[in-house]
PDB file of N, CA and C in Angstrom:
ATOM      1  N   MET A   1     -31.379  15.808 -17.388  1.00  0.00           N
ATOM      2  CA  MET A   1     -32.239  17.103 -17.739  1.00  0.00           C
ATOM      3  C   MET A   1     -30.871  17.509 -19.185  1.00  0.00           C
ATOM      4  N   TRP A   2     -32.293  18.216 -19.539  1.00  0.00           N
ATOM      5  CA  TRP A   2     -31.900  18.720 -21.107  1.00  0.00           C
ATOM      6  C   TRP A   2     -30.847  19.638 -21.394  1.00  0.00           C
ATOM      7  N   TRP A   3     -30.665  20.525 -19.864  1.00  0.00           N
ATOM      8  CA  TRP A   3     -29.522  21.785 -19.635  1.00  0.00           C
ATOM      9  C   TRP A   3     -28.278  20.984 -19.257  1.00  0.00           C
ATOM     10  N   GLN A   4     -28.534  19.956 -18.732  1.00  0.00           N
ATOM     11  CA  GLN A   4     -27.274  19.807 -18.787  1.00  0.00           C
ATOM     12  C   GLN A   4     -26.239  19.167 -19.449  1.00  0.00           C
ATOM     13  N   SER A   5     -26.621  19.039 -20.948  1.00  0.00           N
ATOM     14  CA  SER A   5     -25.789  18.747 -21.615  1.00  0.00           C
ATOM     15  C   SER A   5     -26.057  19.615 -23.144  1.00  0.00           C
ATOM     16  N   CYS A   6     -26.065  21.216 -22.562  1.00  0.00           N
ATOM     17  CA  CYS A   6     -26.276  21.865 -23.431  1.00  0.00           C
ATOM     18  C   CYS A   6     -24.890  22.820 -23.645  1.00  0.00           C
ATOM     19  N   PRO A   7     -24.394  23.301 -24.262  1.00  0.00           N
ATOM     20  CA  PRO A   7     -23.166  23.666 -24.712  1.00  0.00           C
ATOM     21  C   PRO A   7     -22.630  24.620 -23.784  1.00  0.00           C
ATOM     22  N   VAL A   8     -23.644  25.458 -22.702  1.00  0.00           N
ATOM     23  CA  VAL A   8     -23.335  26.033 -21.745  1.00  0.00           C
ATOM     24  C   VAL A   8     -22.359  25.257 -20.938  1.00  0.00           C
ATOM     25  N   GLN A   9     -23.362  24.281 -20.329  1.00  0.00           N
ATOM     26  CA  GLN A   9     -23.041  23.511 -19.101  1.00  0.00           C
ATOM     27  C   GLN A   9     -21.472  22.618 -19.851  1.00  0.00           C
ATOM     28  N   LEU A  10     -21.438  22.363 -21.003  1.00  0.00           N
ATOM     29  CA  LEU A  10     -20.341  21.759 -21.262  1.00  0.00           C
ATOM     30  C   LEU A  10     -18.406  22.576 -21.092  1.00  0.00           C
ATOM     31  N   PHE A  11     -19.553  23.502 -21.773  1.00  0.00           N
ATOM     32  CA  PHE A  11     -18.098  24.870 -21.747  1.00  0.00           C
ATOM     33  C   PHE A  11     -17.383  25.030 -19.875  1.00  0.00           C
ATOM     34  N   LYS A  12     -18.782  24.880 -18.966  1.00  0.00           N
ATOM     35  CA  LYS A  12     -18.157  25.481 -17.730  1.00  0.00           C
ATOM     36  C   LYS A  12     -17.628  24.351 -17.687  1.00  0.00           C
ATOM     37  N   VAL A  13     -17.678  22.774 -17.291  1.00  0.00           N
ATOM     38  CA  VAL A  13     -17.077  21.993 -17.210  1.00  0.00           C
ATOM     39  C   VAL A  13     -15.755  21.715 -17.857  1.00  0.00           C
ATOM     40  N   ARG A  14     -15.644  22.734 -18.954  1.00  0.00           N
ATOM     41  CA  ARG A  14     -14.188  22.723 -19.631  1.00  0.00           C
ATOM     42  C   ARG A  14     -13.726  23.565 -19.254  1.00  0.00           C
ATOM     43  N   MET A  15     -14.415  24.583 -18.602  1.00  0.00           N
ATOM     44  CA  MET A  15     -13.452  25.688 -17.929  1.00  0.00           C
ATOM     45  C   MET A  15     -12.825  25.365 -16.581  1.00  0.00           C
ATOM     46  N   LYS A  16     -13.722  24.104 -15.434  1.00  0.00           N
ATOM     47  CA  LYS A  16     -13.344  24.568 -14.497  1.00  0.00           C
ATOM     48  C   LYS A  16     -12.538  23.242 -14.849  1.00  0.00           C
ATOM     49  N   ARG A  17     -12.260  22.745 -15.714  1.00  0.00           N
ATOM     50  CA  ARG A  17     -11.008  21.549 -15.831  1.00  0.00           C
ATOM     51  C   ARG A  17      -9.729  22.281 -15.901  1.00  0.00           C
ATOM     52  N   MET A  18      -9.708  23.323 -16.749  1.00  0.00           N
ATOM     53  CA  MET A  18      -8.813  24.009 -17.209  1.00  0.00           C
ATOM     54  C   MET A  18      -8.054  24.322 -16.197  1.00  0.00           C
ATOM     55  N   THR A  19      -9.005  25.576 -15.593  1.00  0.00           N
ATOM     56  CA  THR A  19      -8.961  26.545 -14.000  1.00  0.00           C
ATOM     57  C   THR A  19      -8.175  25.618 -12.902  1.00  0.00           C
ATOM     58  N   ASN A  20      -8.408  24.040 -13.060  1.00  0.00           N
ATOM     59  CA  ASN A  20      -8.098  23.343 -12.141  1.00  0.00           C
ATOM     60  C   ASN A  20      -6.258  22.758 -12.437  1.00  0.00           C
ATOM     61  N   HIS A  21      -6.390  22.808 -13.652  1.00  0.00           N
ATOM     62  CA  HIS A  21      -5.085  22.839 -14.477  1.00  0.00           C
ATOM     63  C   HIS A  21      -3.902  23.785 -13.929  1.00  0.00           C
ATOM     64  N   LYS A  22      -4.662  24.947 -14.838  1.00  0.00           N
ATOM     65  CA  LYS A  22      -4.153  26.380 -14.488  1.00  0.00           C
ATOM     66  C   LYS A  22      -3.251  26.058 -13.084  1.00  0.00           C
ATOM     67  N   TRP A  23      -4.532  26.225 -11.937  1.00  0.00           N
ATOM     68  CA  TRP A  23      -3.996  26.053 -10.240  1.00  0.00           C
ATOM     69  C   TRP A  23      -2.858  25.124  -9.617  1.00  0.00           C
ATOM     70  N   GLY A  24      -3.003  23.941 -10.600  1.00  0.00           N
ATOM     71  CA  GLY A  24      -2.418  23.316 -10.174  1.00  0.00           C
ATOM     72  C   GLY A  24      -0.582  23.488 -10.437  1.00  0.00           C
ATOM     73  N   ARG A  25      -0.646  24.194 -11.917  1.00  0.00           N
ATOM     74  CA  ARG A  25       0.878  24.810 -12.233  1.00  0.00           C
ATOM     75  C   ARG A  25       1.050  26.141 -11.148  1.00  0.00           C
ATOM     76  N   ILE A  26       0.217  26.808 -10.276  1.00  0.00           N
ATOM     77  CA  ILE A  26       0.137  27.521  -9.949  1.00  0.00           C
ATOM     78  C   ILE A  26       0.622  27.725  -8.126  1.00  0.00           C
ATOM     79  N   ARG A  27       0.088  26.134  -8.083  1.00  0.00           N
ATOM     80  CA  ARG A  27       0.586  26.036  -6.472  1.00  0.00           C
ATOM     81  C   ARG A  27       1.597  25.270  -6.241  1.00  0.00           C
ATOM     82  N   GLU A  28       2.390  24.489  -7.574  1.00  0.00           N
ATOM     83  CA  GLU A  28       3.694  24.182  -7.153  1.00  0.00           C
ATOM     84  C   GLU A  28       4.746  25.064  -6.887  1.00  0.00           C
ATOM     85  N   LYS A  29       4.015  26.478  -7.646  1.00  0.00           N
ATOM     86  CA  LYS A  29       4.918  27.256  -6.865  1.00  0.00           C
ATOM     87  C   LYS A  29       5.407  27.827  -5.659  1.00  0.00           C
ATOM     88  N   GLY A  30       4.333  27.602  -5.026  1.00  0.00           N
ATOM     89  CA  GLY A  30       4.333  27.851  -3.664  1.00  0.00           C
ATOM     90  C   GLY A  30       3.334  29.475  -3.131  1.00  0.00           C
ATOM     91  N   LYS A  31       3.387  29.077  -1.990  1.00  0.00           N
ATOM     92  CA  LYS A  31       1.966  30.242  -1.505  1.00  0.00           C
ATOM     93  C   LYS A  31       2.463  31.275  -1.069  1.00  0.00           C
ATOM     94  N   HIS A  32       3.608  31.824  -0.896  1.00  0.00           N
ATOM     95  CA  HIS A  32       4.281  32.923  -0.437  1.00  0.00           C
ATOM     96  C   HIS A  32       4.771  33.696  -1.870  1.00  0.00           C
ATOM     97  N   ARG A  33       4.926  33.050  -2.756  1.00  0.00           N
ATOM     98  CA  ARG A  33       5.226  33.660  -3.965  1.00  0.00           C
ATOM     99  C   ARG A  33       3.523  33.945  -4.880  1.00  0.00           C
ATOM    100  N   PHE A  34       2.796  33.251  -4.817  1.00  0.00           N
ATOM    101  CA  PHE A  34       1.583  33.683  -5.398  1.00  0.00           C
ATOM    102  C   PHE A  34       0.988  34.686  -4.216  1.00  0.00           C
ATOM    103  N   VAL A  35       0.880  35.021  -2.992  1.00  0.00           N
ATOM    104  CA  VAL A  35       0.719  35.890  -2.067  1.00  0.00           C
ATOM    105  C   VAL A  35       1.560  36.650  -2.470  1.00  0.00           C
ATOM    106  N   PHE A  36       2.416  36.959  -2.851  1.00  0.00           N
ATOM    107  CA  PHE A  36       3.826  38.256  -3.151  1.00  0.00           C
ATOM    108  C   PHE A  36       3.029  38.549  -4.604  1.00  0.00           C
ATOM    109  N   LEU A  37       2.780  37.883  -5.418  1.00  0.00           N
ATOM    110  CA  LEU A  37       2.973  38.227  -7.305  1.00  0.00           C
ATOM    111  C   LEU A  37       0.884  38.851  -7.146  1.00  0.00           C
ATOM    112  N   TYR A  38       0.087  38.028  -6.723  1.00  0.00           N
ATOM    113  CA  TYR A  38      -0.982  38.111  -7.256  1.00  0.00           C
ATOM    114  C   TYR A  38      -1.481  39.000  -5.927  1.00  0.00           C
ATOM    115  N   GLY A  39      -1.267  38.859  -4.801  1.00  0.00           N
ATOM    116  CA  GLY A  39      -2.144  39.623  -3.514  1.00  0.00           C
ATOM    117  C   GLY A  39      -1.023  40.921  -3.618  1.00  0.00           C
ATOM    118  N   PHE A  40      -0.233  40.521  -2.814  1.00  0.00           N
ATOM    119  CA  PHE A  40       0.984  42.308  -2.763  1.00  0.00           C
ATOM    120  C   PHE A  40       1.248  43.197  -3.987  1.00  0.00           C
ATOM    121  N   LEU A  41       1.621  42.460  -4.974  1.00  0.00           N
ATOM    122  CA  LEU A  41       2.083  43.316  -6.268  1.00  0.00           C
ATOM    123  C   LEU A  41       0.535  43.458  -7.171  1.00  0.00           C
ATOM    124  N   GLY A  42       0.382  42.394  -7.020  1.00  0.00           N
ATOM    125  CA  GLY A  42      -1.165  42.536  -8.258  1.00  0.00           C
ATOM    126  C   GLY A  42      -2.379  42.973  -7.680  1.00  0.00           C
ATOM    127  N   TRP A  43      -3.102  43.083  -6.828  1.00  0.00           N
ATOM    128  CA  TRP A  43      -4.086  43.650  -6.119  1.00  0.00           C
ATOM    129  C   TRP A  43      -3.650  44.891  -5.453  1.00  0.00           C
ATOM    130  N   GLY A  44      -2.184  44.341  -4.435  1.00  0.00           N
ATOM    131  CA  GLY A  44      -2.226  45.859  -3.524  1.00  0.00           C
ATOM    132  C   GLY A  44      -1.263  46.677  -4.366  1.00  0.00           C
ATOM    133  N   PHE A  45      -0.539  47.178  -4.738  1.00  0.00           N
ATOM    134  CA  PHE A  45       0.301  47.590  -5.411  1.00  0.00           C
ATOM    135  C   PHE A  45      -0.408  48.113  -6.557  1.00  0.00           C
ATOM    136  N   PHE A  46      -1.293  47.693  -7.481  1.00  0.00           N
ATOM    137  CA  PHE A  46      -1.988  48.179  -8.680  1.00  0.00           C
ATOM    138  C   PHE A  46      -3.151  48.983  -8.254  1.00  0.00           C
ATOM    139  N   THR A  47      -3.885  48.769  -7.133  1.00  0.00           N
ATOM    140  CA  THR A  47      -5.033  49.802  -6.381  1.00  0.00           C
ATOM    141  C   THR A  47      -4.588  50.566  -5.465  1.00  0.00           C
ATOM    142  N   ALA A  48      -3.301  50.762  -5.186  1.00  0.00           N
ATOM    143  CA  ALA A  48      -3.110  51.661  -4.500  1.00  0.00           C
ATOM    144  C   ALA A  48      -2.127  52.942  -5.922  1.00  0.00           C
ATOM    145  N   LEU A  49      -1.915  52.679  -6.814  1.00  0.00           N
ATOM    146  CA  LEU A  49      -1.716  53.094  -8.065  1.00  0.00           C
ATOM    147  C   LEU A  49      -3.323  53.976  -8.503  1.00  0.00           C
ATOM    148  N   LEU A  50      -4.218  53.384  -8.409  1.00  0.00           N
ATOM    149  CA  LEU A  50      -5.342  53.308  -9.392  1.00  0.00           C
ATOM    150  C   LEU A  50      -6.146  54.410  -8.354  1.00  0.00           C
ATOM    151  N   TRP A  51      -6.147  53.732  -6.602  1.00  0.00           N
ATOM    152  CA  TRP A  51      -6.713  54.871  -6.118  1.00  0.00           C
ATOM    153  C   TRP A  51      -6.349  56.004  -5.960  1.00  0.00           C
ATOM    154  N   ALA A  52      -4.871  55.925  -5.758  1.00  0.00           N
ATOM    155  CA  ALA A  52      -4.240  57.131  -5.600  1.00  0.00           C
ATOM    156  C   ALA A  52      -4.567  58.409  -6.702  1.00  0.00           C
ATOM    157  N   PHE A  53      -4.845  57.819  -7.947  1.00  0.00           N
ATOM    158  CA  PHE A  53      -4.326  58.477  -9.010  1.00  0.00           C
ATOM    159  C   PHE A  53      -6.181  58.940  -9.154  1.00  0.00           C
ATOM    160  N   ILE A  54      -7.191  58.153  -8.501  1.00  0.00           N
ATOM    161  CA  ILE A  54      -8.262  58.434  -8.882  1.00  0.00           C
ATOM    162  C   ILE A  54      -8.884  59.689  -7.902  1.00  0.00           C
ATOM    163  N   MET A  55      -8.446  59.482  -6.730  1.00  0.00           N
ATOM    164  CA  MET A  55      -8.153  60.181  -5.637  1.00  0.00           C
ATOM    165  C   MET A  55      -7.858  61.801  -5.822  1.00  0.00           C
ATOM    166  N   GLU A  56      -6.993  61.890  -6.894  1.00  0.00           N
ATOM    167  CA  GLU A  56      -6.293  63.079  -6.924  1.00  0.00           C
ATOM    168  C   GLU A  56      -7.463  63.908  -8.053  1.00  0.00           C
ATOM    169  N   ILE A  57      -8.014  62.745  -9.102  1.00  0.00           N
ATOM    170  CA  ILE A  57      -9.137  63.915  -9.675  1.00  0.00           C
ATOM    171  C   ILE A  57      -9.923  64.013  -8.793  1.00  0.00           C
ATOM    172  N   VAL A  58     -10.862  63.010  -8.180  1.00  0.00           N
ATOM    173  CA  VAL A  58     -11.868  63.493  -7.517  1.00  0.00           C
ATOM    174  C   VAL A  58     -12.109  64.291  -6.584  1.00  0.00           C
ATOM    175  N   ASP A  59     -10.772  64.364  -5.354  1.00  0.00           N
ATOM    176  CA  ASP A  59     -10.731  65.584  -4.502  1.00  0.00           C
ATOM    177  C   ASP A  59      -9.200  65.729  -4.621  1.00  0.00           C
ATOM    178  N   PRO A  60      -8.771  66.730  -4.950  1.00  0.00           N
ATOM    179  CA  PRO A  60      -7.320  67.250  -5.339  1.00  0.00           C
ATOM    180  C   PRO A  60      -6.737  67.839  -3.883  1.00  0.00           C
ATOM    181  N   SER A  61      -7.461  68.057  -2.789  1.00  0.00           N
ATOM    182  CA  SER A  61      -7.299  68.940  -1.731  1.00  0.00           C
ATOM    183  C   SER A  61      -5.794  68.838  -1.166  1.00  0.00           C
ATOM    184  N   GLU A  62      -5.793  67.490  -1.012  1.00  0.00           N
ATOM    185  CA  GLU A  62      -4.830  66.673  -0.541  1.00  0.00           C
ATOM    186  C   GLU A  62      -3.483  66.677  -1.082  1.00  0.00           C
ATOM    187  N   ASN A  63      -2.051  67.070  -0.846  1.00  0.00           N
ATOM    188  CA  ASN A  63      -0.884  66.594  -1.349  1.00  0.00           C
ATOM    189  C   ASN A  63      -0.781  65.112  -1.658  1.00  0.00           C
ATOM    190  N   VAL A  64      -0.616  65.260  -3.082  1.00  0.00           N
ATOM    191  CA  VAL A  64      -0.685  64.089  -3.855  1.00  0.00           C
ATOM    192  C   VAL A  64       0.276  62.694  -3.228  1.00  0.00           C
ATOM    193  N   TRP A  65       1.448  63.126  -3.139  1.00  0.00           N
ATOM    194  CA  TRP A  65       2.479  62.550  -2.641  1.00  0.00           C
ATOM    195  C   TRP A  65       2.169  61.993  -0.951  1.00  0.00           C
ATOM    196  N   VAL A  66       1.674  62.442  -0.112  1.00  0.00           N
ATOM    197  CA  VAL A  66       1.038  62.033   0.952  1.00  0.00           C
ATOM    198  C   VAL A  66       0.486  60.588   1.103  1.00  0.00           C
ATOM    199  N   ARG A  67      -0.720  60.474   0.256  1.00  0.00           N
ATOM    200  CA  ARG A  67      -1.639  60.375  -0.429  1.00  0.00           C
ATOM    201  C   ARG A  67      -1.338  58.921  -0.918  1.00  0.00           C
ATOM    202  N   LEU A  68      -0.107  59.138  -1.584  1.00  0.00           N
ATOM    203  CA  LEU A  68       0.390  57.830  -2.736  1.00  0.00           C
ATOM    204  C   LEU A  68       1.543  57.024  -1.355  1.00  0.00           C
ATOM    205  N   VAL A  69       1.973  57.548  -0.794  1.00  0.00           N
ATOM    206  CA  VAL A  69       2.580  56.557   0.217  1.00  0.00           C
ATOM    207  C   VAL A  69       1.802  55.862   1.271  1.00  0.00           C
ATOM    208  N   LEU A  70       0.752  56.718   1.929  1.00  0.00           N
ATOM    209  CA  LEU A  70      -0.251  56.363   2.506  1.00  0.00           C
ATOM    210  C   LEU A  70      -0.971  54.881   1.930  1.00  0.00           C
ATOM    211  N   ALA A  71      -1.259  55.066   0.408  1.00  0.00           N
ATOM    212  CA  ALA A  71      -1.367  54.122  -0.293  1.00  0.00           C
ATOM    213  C   ALA A  71      -0.734  52.713  -0.575  1.00  0.00           C
ATOM    214  N   LEU A  72       0.382  53.143  -0.820  1.00  0.00           N
ATOM    215  CA  LEU A  72       1.523  52.314  -1.135  1.00  0.00           C
ATOM    216  C   LEU A  72       1.850  51.578   0.163  1.00  0.00           C
ATOM    217  N   ILE A  73       1.076  51.781   1.403  1.00  0.00           N
ATOM    218  CA  ILE A  73       1.295  51.138   2.511  1.00  0.00           C
ATOM    219  C   ILE A  73      -0.046  50.231   2.657  1.00  0.00           C
ATOM    220  N   ILE A  74      -0.979  51.016   2.712  1.00  0.00           N
ATOM    221  CA  ILE A  74      -2.275  50.351   3.416  1.00  0.00           C
ATOM    222  C   ILE A  74      -2.834  48.923   1.986  1.00  0.00           C
ATOM    223  N   PHE A  75      -2.607  49.502   1.056  1.00  0.00           N
ATOM    224  CA  PHE A  75      -3.437  48.582   0.207  1.00  0.00           C
ATOM    225  C   PHE A  75      -2.236  47.370  -0.216  1.00  0.00           C
ATOM    226  N   PRO A  76      -1.326  47.248  -0.365  1.00  0.00           N
ATOM    227  CA  PRO A  76      -0.546  46.509  -0.360  1.00  0.00           C
ATOM    228  C   PRO A  76      -0.742  45.321   0.862  1.00  0.00           C
ATOM    229  N   LEU A  77      -0.770  45.853   1.805  1.00  0.00           N
ATOM    230  CA  LEU A  77      -1.112  45.305   3.429  1.00  0.00           C
ATOM    231  C   LEU A  77      -2.229  44.591   3.043  1.00  0.00           C
ATOM    232  N   ALA A  78      -3.092  44.898   2.421  1.00  0.00           N
ATOM    233  CA  ALA A  78      -4.705  44.644   2.181  1.00  0.00           C
ATOM    234  C   ALA A  78      -4.449  43.483   1.628  1.00  0.00           C
ATOM    235  N   GLY A  79      -3.373  43.412   0.284  1.00  0.00           N
ATOM    236  CA  GLY A  79      -3.286  42.590  -0.490  1.00  0.00           C
ATOM    237  C   GLY A  79      -2.948  41.397  -0.165  1.00  0.00           C
ATOM    238  N   ILE A  80      -1.455  41.254   0.828  1.00  0.00           N
ATOM    239  CA  ILE A  80      -1.363  40.535   1.642  1.00  0.00           C
ATOM    240  C   ILE A  80      -2.825  39.330   1.915  1.00  0.00           C
ATOM    241  N   ALA A  81      -3.402  39.947   2.729  1.00  0.00           N
ATOM    242  CA  ALA A  81      -4.728  39.141   3.212  1.00  0.00           C
ATOM    243  C   ALA A  81      -5.661  38.757   1.937  1.00  0.00           C
ATOM    244  N   PHE A  82      -6.017  39.767   0.796  1.00  0.00           N
ATOM    245  CA  PHE A  82      -6.589  39.404  -0.576  1.00  0.00           C
ATOM    246  C   PHE A  82      -5.800  37.950  -0.901  1.00  0.00           C
ATOM    247  N   GLY A  83      -4.531  37.992  -1.110  1.00  0.00           N
ATOM    248  CA  GLY A  83      -3.401  37.299  -1.681  1.00  0.00           C
ATOM    249  C   GLY A  83      -4.133  35.211  -0.967  1.00  0.00           C
ATOM    250  N   HIS A  84      -3.984  35.680   0.726  1.00  0.00           N
ATOM    251  CA  HIS A  84      -4.156  34.387   1.526  1.00  0.00           C
ATOM    252  C   HIS A  84      -5.414  33.689   1.357  1.00  0.00           C
ATOM    253  N   PHE A  85      -6.510  34.504   1.214  1.00  0.00           N
ATOM    254  CA  PHE A  85      -7.724  34.238   1.275  1.00  0.00           C
ATOM    255  C   PHE A  85      -7.997  33.720  -0.223  1.00  0.00           C
ATOM    256  N   THR A  86      -7.418  34.132  -1.378  1.00  0.00           N
ATOM    257  CA  THR A  86      -7.844  33.842  -2.175  1.00  0.00           C
ATOM    258  C   THR A  86      -7.164  32.081  -2.513  1.00  0.00           C
ATOM    259  N   TRP A  87      -5.929  32.141  -2.046  1.00  0.00           N
ATOM    260  CA  TRP A  87      -5.103  31.219  -2.072  1.00  0.00           C
ATOM    261  C   TRP A  87      -6.062  29.847  -1.581  1.00  0.00           C
ATOM    262  N   SER A  88      -6.288  30.564  -0.095  1.00  0.00           N
ATOM    263  CA  SER A  88      -7.502  29.338   1.081  1.00  0.00           C
ATOM    264  C   SER A  88      -8.783  28.776  -0.090  1.00  0.00           C
ATOM    265  N   LYS A  89      -9.092  29.523  -0.787  1.00  0.00           N
ATOM    266  CA  LYS A  89     -10.373  29.391  -1.456  1.00  0.00           C
ATOM    267  C   LYS A  89     -10.002  28.640  -2.827  1.00  0.00           C
ATOM    268  N   ALA A  90      -9.140  28.676  -3.873  1.00  0.00           N
ATOM    269  CA  ALA A  90      -8.352  28.364  -4.642  1.00  0.00           C
ATOM    270  C   ALA A  90      -7.672  26.814  -4.154  1.00  0.00           C
ATOM    271  N   GLU A  91      -7.390  26.773  -3.093  1.00  0.00           N
ATOM    272  CA  GLU A  91      -7.026  25.198  -2.616  1.00  0.00           C
ATOM    273  C   GLU A  91      -8.384  24.598  -2.301  1.00  0.00           C
ATOM    274  N   LYS A  92      -8.807  25.234  -1.864  1.00  0.00           N
ATOM    275  CA  LYS A  92     -10.515  24.436  -1.508  1.00  0.00           C
ATOM    276  C   LYS A  92     -11.307  23.888  -2.279  1.00  0.00           C
ATOM    277  N   ASN A  93     -10.987  24.824  -3.274  1.00  0.00           N
ATOM    278  CA  ASN A  93     -11.922  24.676  -5.002  1.00  0.00           C
ATOM    279  C   ASN A  93     -10.998  22.925  -5.346  1.00  0.00           C
ATOM    280  N   TYR A  94     -10.269  23.333  -5.451  1.00  0.00           N
ATOM    281  CA  TYR A  94      -9.074  22.048  -5.999  1.00  0.00           C
ATOM    282  C   TYR A  94      -8.949  21.045  -5.276  1.00  0.00           C
ATOM    283  N   MET A  95      -9.372  21.120  -3.722  1.00  0.00           N
ATOM    284  CA  MET A  95      -9.006  19.884  -3.242  1.00  0.00           C
ATOM    285  C   MET A  95     -10.573  19.259  -3.684  1.00  0.00           C
ATOM    286  N   LYS A  96     -11.714  19.973  -3.604  1.00  0.00           N
ATOM    287  CA  LYS A  96     -13.165  19.690  -3.773  1.00  0.00           C
ATOM    288  C   LYS A  96     -13.022  18.889  -4.873  1.00  0.00           C
ATOM    289  N   SER A  97     -12.380  19.617  -5.806  1.00  0.00           N
ATOM    290  CA  SER A  97     -13.035  18.985  -7.344  1.00  0.00           C
ATOM    291  C   SER A  97     -11.671  17.827  -7.646  1.00  0.00           C
ATOM    292  N   SER A  98     -10.377  17.798  -7.247  1.00  0.00           N
ATOM    293  CA  SER A  98      -9.628  16.306  -7.704  1.00  0.00           C
ATOM    294  C   SER A  98      -9.365  15.478  -6.680  1.00  0.00           C
ATOM    295  N   GLY A  99     -10.209  15.780  -5.575  1.00  0.00           N
ATOM    296  CA  GLY A  99     -10.567  14.184  -4.594  1.00  0.00           C
ATOM    297  C   GLY A  99     -11.288  13.895  -4.356  1.00  0.00           C
TER     298      GLY A  99
END
Protein backbone atom coordinates (compact mmCIF):
# COMPACT_ATOMS: atom_id res chain seq x y z
CA MET A 1 0.00 0.00 0.00
CA TRP A 2 1.07 3.56 -0.64
CA TRP A 3 0.98 4.64 3.04
CA GLN A 4 3.56 2.02 4.05
CA SER A 5 6.27 3.86 2.19
CA CYS A 6 5.40 7.37 3.30
CA PRO A 7 7.96 9.28 5.40
CA VAL A 8 5.86 9.05 8.56
CA GLN A 9 5.88 5.23 8.45
CA LEU A 10 9.62 5.17 7.76
CA PHE A 11 10.18 7.53 10.70
CA LYS A 12 8.13 5.25 12.98
CA VAL A 13 10.22 2.24 11.97
CA ARG A 14 13.44 4.15 12.57
CA MET A 15 12.23 5.36 15.98
CA LYS A 16 11.31 1.81 16.93
CA ARG A 17 14.82 0.62 16.09
CA MET A 18 16.36 3.43 18.12
CA THR A 19 14.04 2.67 21.00
CA ASN A 20 15.03 -0.99 20.90
CA HIS A 21 18.70 -0.03 20.83
CA LYS A 22 18.22 2.35 23.73
CA TRP A 23 16.22 -0.22 25.68
CA GLY A 24 19.01 -2.74 25.07
CA ARG A 25 21.45 -0.40 26.79
CA ILE A 26 19.05 0.32 29.66
CA ARG A 27 18.26 -3.35 30.28
CA GLU A 28 21.98 -4.22 30.50
CA LYS A 29 22.13 -2.15 33.68
CA GLY A 30 19.43 -4.27 35.33
CA LYS A 31 15.85 -4.20 36.46
CA HIS A 32 16.52 -3.00 40.00
CA ARG A 33 18.41 0.05 38.79
CA PHE A 34 15.67 0.83 36.27
CA VAL A 35 12.88 0.51 38.84
CA PHE A 36 14.79 2.70 41.29
CA LEU A 37 15.75 5.44 38.82
CA TYR A 38 12.67 5.58 36.62
CA GLY A 39 9.99 4.35 39.04
CA PHE A 40 10.99 5.31 42.57
CA LEU A 41 12.92 8.50 41.87
CA GLY A 42 11.80 9.52 38.39
CA TRP A 43 8.08 8.99 38.76
CA GLY A 44 7.48 8.61 42.50
CA PHE A 45 9.66 11.32 44.00
CA PHE A 46 9.00 13.88 41.27
CA THR A 47 5.25 13.24 41.31
CA ALA A 48 5.17 13.52 45.11
CA LEU A 49 6.81 16.94 45.02
CA LEU A 50 4.63 18.13 42.17
CA TRP A 51 1.42 16.86 43.82
CA ALA A 52 2.30 18.43 47.19
CA PHE A 53 3.06 21.75 45.50
CA ILE A 54 -0.15 21.76 43.45
CA MET A 55 -2.28 20.70 46.42
CA GLU A 56 -0.81 23.50 48.53
CA ILE A 57 -2.00 25.97 45.89
CA VAL A 58 -5.41 24.34 45.36
CA ASP A 59 -6.23 23.43 48.97
CA PRO A 60 -3.91 25.15 51.47
CA SER A 61 -5.97 24.09 54.51
CA GLU A 62 -3.72 21.15 55.48
CA ASN A 63 -0.23 21.38 56.91
CA VAL A 64 2.17 21.42 53.97
CA TRP A 65 4.73 19.25 55.78
CA VAL A 66 2.27 16.48 56.62
CA ARG A 67 1.05 16.45 53.04
CA LEU A 68 4.62 16.37 51.73
CA VAL A 69 5.68 13.52 54.02
CA LEU A 70 2.64 11.46 53.07
CA ALA A 71 3.24 12.14 49.38
CA LEU A 72 6.91 11.16 49.74
CA ILE A 73 5.78 7.81 51.14
CA ILE A 74 2.83 6.99 48.88
CA PHE A 75 4.03 8.19 45.46
CA PRO A 76 7.47 6.51 45.51
CA LEU A 77 5.81 3.22 46.51
CA ALA A 78 3.44 3.61 43.58
CA GLY A 79 6.50 4.52 41.50
CA ILE A 80 8.02 1.12 42.28
CA ALA A 81 4.91 -0.55 40.89
CA PHE A 82 5.03 1.80 37.89
CA GLY A 83 8.70 0.92 37.31
CA HIS A 84 7.99 -2.82 37.40
CA PHE A 85 5.06 -2.41 35.00
CA THR A 86 7.12 -0.24 32.62
CA TRP A 87 10.02 -2.72 32.71
CA SER A 88 7.71 -5.64 31.92
CA LYS A 89 6.02 -3.79 29.06
CA ALA A 90 9.35 -2.66 27.58
CA GLU A 91 10.80 -6.18 27.88
CA LYS A 92 7.78 -7.65 26.14
CA ASN A 93 8.08 -5.15 23.28
CA TYR A 94 11.84 -5.70 23.07
CA MET A 95 11.51 -9.49 22.91
CA LYS A 96 8.72 -9.28 20.35
CA SER A 97 10.67 -6.96 18.06
CA SER A 98 14.08 -8.65 18.42
CA GLY A 99 12.95 -12.28 18.34
